[in-house]
């Protein structure tokens, strides 16, 4: 039998979140054909490691293949931090989040699968802030323009609030209730994507509580994607969904 235990690796990932460089210790899955990819990652040969993990035959048992998917998440996360532009970095982080979510689906009891999601949420928040700052700098050269932008933002928020009152927001408890009622994943995710408003607790403890309640990694990933979606986009999309 192959050793499926998570073991600390010497690999460190450079995180280019701000103007300084940080290093983050990560964990890699060991054994079962994963060691070759691990060596490539230790040498920072991310593209080759990605190819190795994607082309190798998945392990027959979902709980075993979860570790391959976890390593895929590590590779995509590392590629995001070394990306040359914000758009590519955010895309790679979203791919990593999906990989980690699939790993959680395969083995919900593995505690090391939950930790990277929090790290990615933090990174995405930083990249979004950097992107917003660049957009603001480009589109608001004068104080008058900045005031107009702020007014438009306030108007959009009020409109969204009117369309989706706080009391109608979809919550963790409702997602757990749908899961307990044995609704299939596709229906739950569709409900999350088309809810008028959401009020999810996606803190580390919130995610642990969701996983313990049987909520799958795919559903948690959908909740996070929905929570990050722009308010103005959701408010505009809601009427179209209702009329179809």
Protein backbone atom coordinates (compact mmCIF):
# COMPACT_ATOMS: atom_id res chain seq x y z
CA UNK A 1 0.00 0.00 0.00
CA UNK A 2 1.21 3.53 -0.75
CA UNK A 3 1.68 6.00 2.04
CA UNK A 4 -1.13 8.58 1.65
CA UNK A 5 -0.23 10.69 4.68
CA UNK A 6 0.27 14.41 4.22
CA UNK A 7 3.91 15.26 4.91
CA UNK A 8 5.55 18.66 5.22
CA UNK A 9 7.64 19.51 2.18
CA UNK A 10 10.56 21.87 1.91
CA UNK A 11 8.76 23.74 -0.87
CA UNK A 12 8.02 27.42 -0.24
CA UNK A 13 5.75 29.47 -2.49
CA UNK A 14 6.54 33.14 -3.13
CA UNK A 15 3.40 35.21 -2.60
CA UNK A 16 3.46 38.47 -4.63
CA UNK A 17 0.43 40.01 -2.96
CA UNK A 18 1.81 43.49 -2.36
CA UNK A 19 5.09 45.30 -2.99
CA UNK A 20 6.97 42.86 -0.76
CA UNK A 21 7.60 39.13 -1.21
CA UNK A 22 6.35 36.65 1.36
CA UNK A 23 7.08 32.94 1.67
CA UNK A 24 4.44 30.42 2.62
CA UNK A 25 5.18 26.88 3.83
CA UNK A 26 2.93 24.38 2.12
CA UNK A 27 2.25 20.68 2.50
CA UNK A 28 2.42 18.09 -0.28
CA UNK A 29 0.89 14.63 -0.57
CA UNK A 30 3.48 11.83 -0.57
CA UNK A 31 3.59 8.42 -2.24
CA UNK A 32 1.44 6.63 -4.78
CA UNK A 33 3.16 8.10 -7.83
CA UNK A 34 3.03 11.67 -6.52
CA UNK A 35 6.72 11.85 -5.59
CA UNK A 36 7.85 12.69 -9.15
CA UNK A 37 5.53 15.70 -9.24
CA UNK A 38 6.75 16.70 -5.78
CA UNK A 39 10.35 16.78 -7.01
CA UNK A 40 9.33 19.05 -9.88
CA UNK A 41 7.53 21.36 -7.46
CA UNK A 42 10.55 21.52 -5.16
CA UNK A 43 12.54 22.70 -8.20
CA UNK A 44 9.76 25.24 -8.98
CA UNK A 45 9.08 23.59 -12.35
CA UNK A 46 5.38 24.35 -12.05
CA UNK A 47 4.31 23.69 -15.66
CA UNK A 48 5.97 20.28 -15.71
CA UNK A 49 4.49 19.39 -12.32
CA UNK A 50 1.05 20.42 -13.59
CA UNK A 51 1.43 18.22 -16.66
CA UNK A 52 2.64 15.30 -14.53
CA UNK A 53 -0.37 15.48 -12.20
CA UNK A 54 -2.94 16.04 -14.96
CA UNK A 55 -1.72 13.21 -17.19
CA UNK A 56 -1.12 10.57 -14.51
CA UNK A 57 -3.89 8.03 -14.04
CA UNK A 58 -6.25 9.07 -11.23
CA UNK A 59 -6.24 6.78 -8.20
CA UNK A 60 -9.23 4.37 -8.17
CA UNK A 61 -10.48 5.41 -4.73
CA UNK A 62 -11.79 8.98 -4.39
CA UNK A 63 -10.18 9.36 -0.96
CA UNK A 64 -6.80 8.49 -2.52
CA UNK A 65 -7.21 10.64 -5.62
CA UNK A 66 -8.08 13.54 -3.33
CA UNK A 67 -4.36 13.91 -2.61
CA UNK A 68 -3.52 14.20 -6.31
CA UNK A 69 -6.19 16.89 -6.63
CA UNK A 70 -4.76 18.65 -3.59
CA UNK A 71 -1.29 18.70 -5.21
CA UNK A 72 -2.88 20.14 -8.36
CA UNK A 73 -4.25 22.94 -6.19
CA UNK A 74 -0.77 23.61 -4.81
CA UNK A 75 0.67 23.86 -8.34
CA UNK A 76 -2.05 26.23 -9.58
CA UNK A 77 -1.70 28.34 -6.45
CA UNK A 78 2.08 28.61 -6.93
CA UNK A 79 1.62 29.53 -10.60
CA UNK A 80 -0.78 32.28 -9.53
CA UNK A 81 1.77 33.83 -7.19
CA UNK A 82 4.42 33.84 -9.92
CA UNK A 83 2.09 35.24 -12.61
CA UNK A 84 3.06 38.45 -14.37
CA UNK A 85 -0.38 40.10 -14.27
CA UNK A 86 -3.35 40.28 -11.91
CA UNK A 87 -5.84 38.69 -14.32
CA UNK A 88 -3.73 35.57 -14.76
CA UNK A 89 -3.02 35.37 -11.04
CA UNK A 90 -6.71 35.52 -10.13
CA UNK A 91 -7.56 32.89 -12.78
CA UNK A 92 -4.93 30.50 -11.42
CA UNK A 93 -6.13 31.06 -7.85
CA UNK A 94 -9.69 30.22 -8.89
CA UNK A 95 -8.42 27.02 -10.55
CA UNK A 96 -6.58 26.15 -7.33
CA UNK A 97 -9.73 26.77 -5.31
CA UNK A 98 -11.64 24.33 -7.55
CA UNK A 99 -8.91 21.69 -7.15
CA UNK A 100 -8.94 22.06 -3.37
CA UNK A 101 -12.74 21.83 -3.41
CA UNK A 102 -12.59 18.55 -5.33
CA UNK A 103 -10.03 17.24 -2.85
CA UNK A 104 -12.43 18.06 0.00
CA UNK A 105 -15.18 16.19 -1.86
CA UNK A 106 -12.93 13.13 -2.11
CA UNK A 107 -11.92 13.16 1.54
CA UNK A 108 -13.85 15.63 3.72
CA UNK A 109 -12.09 14.45 6.89
CA UNK A 110 -8.61 15.61 5.78
CA UNK A 111 -7.96 18.80 7.77
CA UNK A 112 -5.10 19.94 5.52
CA UNK A 113 -7.52 20.35 2.60
CA UNK A 114 -9.41 23.17 4.35
CA UNK A 115 -6.44 25.40 5.18
CA UNK A 116 -5.49 26.43 1.59
CA UNK A 117 -8.99 27.77 0.89
CA UNK A 118 -8.53 30.44 3.56
CA UNK A 119 -5.12 31.32 2.12
CA UNK A 120 -6.60 31.66 -1.37
CA UNK A 121 -9.46 33.84 -0.10
CA UNK A 122 -6.88 36.18 1.44
CA UNK A 123 -4.83 36.25 -1.78
CA UNK A 124 -7.90 36.92 -3.94
CA UNK A 125 -8.90 39.77 -1.62
CA UNK A 126 -5.44 41.32 -2.02
CA UNK A 127 -5.46 40.93 -5.80
CA UNK A 128 -8.96 42.42 -5.98
CA UNK A 129 -7.78 45.39 -3.92
CA UNK A 130 -4.81 45.91 -6.21
CA UNK A 131 -7.06 45.65 -9.27
CA UNK A 132 -9.54 48.13 -7.81
CA UNK A 133 -6.74 50.55 -7.00
CA UNK A 134 -5.45 50.40 -10.58
CA UNK A 135 -8.95 50.87 -11.98
CA UNK A 136 -9.62 53.82 -9.68
CA UNK A 137 -6.30 55.43 -10.58
CA UNK A 138 -7.03 55.08 -14.30
CA UNK A 139 -10.67 56.20 -14.27
CA UNK A 140 -10.59 58.86 -11.51
CA UNK A 141 -7.90 61.44 -12.33
CA UNK A 142 -9.70 64.23 -10.46
CA UNK A 143 -11.53 64.54 -7.16
CA UNK A 144 -14.74 65.31 -9.09
CA UNK A 145 -14.54 62.01 -10.93
CA UNK A 146 -13.92 60.15 -7.67
CA UNK A 147 -17.00 61.77 -6.14
CA UNK A 148 -19.13 60.77 -9.13
CA UNK A 149 -17.85 57.18 -8.91
CA UNK A 150 -18.69 57.04 -5.21
CA UNK A 151 -22.19 58.37 -5.87
CA UNK A 152 -22.79 55.79 -8.59
CA UNK A 153 -21.58 53.04 -6.28
CA UNK A 154 -23.92 54.21 -3.52
CA UNK A 155 -26.86 54.28 -5.92
CA UNK A 156 -26.10 50.74 -7.10
CA UNK A 157 -25.90 49.50 -3.51
CA UNK A 158 -29.25 51.06 -2.65
CA UNK A 159 -30.83 49.53 -5.74
CA UNK A 160 -29.46 46.12 -4.86
CA UNK A 161 -30.68 46.46 -1.30
CA UNK A 162 -34.17 47.23 -2.53
CA UNK A 163 -34.14 44.19 -4.83
CA UNK A 164 -32.82 41.78 -2.23
CA UNK A 165 -33.71 42.60 1.41
CA UNK A 166 -31.27 41.28 4.01
CA UNK A 167 -33.91 39.00 5.49
CA UNK A 168 -34.17 37.16 2.16
CA UNK A 169 -30.43 36.44 1.97
CA UNK A 170 -29.39 32.80 1.58
CA UNK A 171 -27.43 31.59 4.63
CA UNK A 172 -25.20 28.69 5.71
CA UNK A 173 -28.10 27.18 7.66
CA UNK A 174 -30.30 27.08 4.57
CA UNK A 175 -27.54 25.42 2.52
CA UNK A 176 -27.08 22.86 5.31
CA UNK A 177 -30.85 22.28 5.38
CA UNK A 178 -30.91 21.62 1.62
CA UNK A 179 -27.98 19.22 2.00
CA UNK A 180 -29.68 17.40 4.89
CA UNK A 181 -32.83 17.07 2.78
CA UNK A 182 -30.72 15.14 0.22
CA UNK A 183 -31.15 17.69 -2.57
CA UNK A 184 -28.63 16.97 -5.31
CA UNK A 185 -25.53 19.14 -5.72
CA UNK A 186 -26.65 20.65 -9.03
CA UNK A 187 -29.91 22.00 -7.55
CA UNK A 188 -28.19 23.42 -4.47
CA UNK A 189 -25.50 25.14 -6.55
CA UNK A 190 -28.16 26.53 -8.91
CA UNK A 191 -30.03 27.94 -5.91
CA UNK A 192 -26.83 29.57 -4.64
CA UNK A 193 -25.99 31.06 -8.04
CA UNK A 194 -29.46 32.56 -8.55
CA UNK A 195 -30.24 33.73 -5.01
CA UNK A 196 -31.10 37.43 -4.90
CA UNK A 197 -28.73 37.90 -1.96
CA UNK A 198 -26.42 35.80 0.22
CA UNK A 199 -25.14 36.13 3.77
CA UNK A 200 -22.66 33.26 4.07
CA UNK A 201 -20.21 32.67 6.89
CA UNK A 202 -17.13 31.50 4.97
CA UNK A 203 -14.61 32.01 7.74
CA UNK A 204 -12.35 29.01 8.45
CA UNK A 205 -14.69 27.86 11.23
CA UNK A 206 -17.72 28.47 9.01
CA UNK A 207 -16.24 26.21 6.34
CA UNK A 208 -15.42 23.53 8.91
CA UNK A 209 -19.03 23.62 10.17
CA UNK A 210 -20.31 23.31 6.59
CA UNK A 211 -18.05 20.31 5.90
CA UNK A 212 -19.06 18.62 9.16
CA UNK A 213 -22.70 19.09 8.16
CA UNK A 214 -22.12 17.20 4.92
CA UNK A 215 -21.86 20.17 2.55
CA UNK A 216 -19.56 19.17 -0.31
CA UNK A 217 -16.46 21.03 -1.45
CA UNK A 218 -18.13 21.90 -4.75
CA UNK A 219 -21.01 23.56 -2.94
CA UNK A 220 -18.64 25.47 -0.63
CA UNK A 221 -16.68 26.64 -3.68
CA UNK A 222 -19.96 27.80 -5.30
CA UNK A 223 -20.86 29.68 -2.11
CA UNK A 224 -17.50 31.47 -2.15
CA UNK A 225 -17.78 32.35 -5.83
CA UNK A 226 -21.32 33.70 -5.24
CA UNK A 227 -20.21 35.74 -2.23
CA UNK A 228 -17.42 37.33 -4.29
CA UNK A 229 -19.69 38.22 -7.24
CA UNK A 230 -20.27 41.99 -7.66
CA UNK A 231 -23.51 43.24 -6.10
CA UNK A 232 -24.44 45.33 -9.13
CA UNK A 233 -24.07 42.30 -11.43
CA UNK A 234 -26.33 40.16 -9.27
CA UNK A 235 -29.01 42.86 -9.06
CA UNK A 236 -29.04 43.27 -12.83
CA UNK A 237 -29.10 39.53 -13.53
CA UNK A 238 -31.97 38.71 -11.16
CA UNK A 239 -34.84 40.07 -13.31
CA UNK A 240 -33.58 38.16 -16.35
CA UNK A 241 -33.54 34.91 -14.43
CA UNK A 242 -37.04 35.50 -13.09
CA UNK A 243 -38.53 36.13 -16.53
CA UNK A 244 -37.06 32.98 -18.10
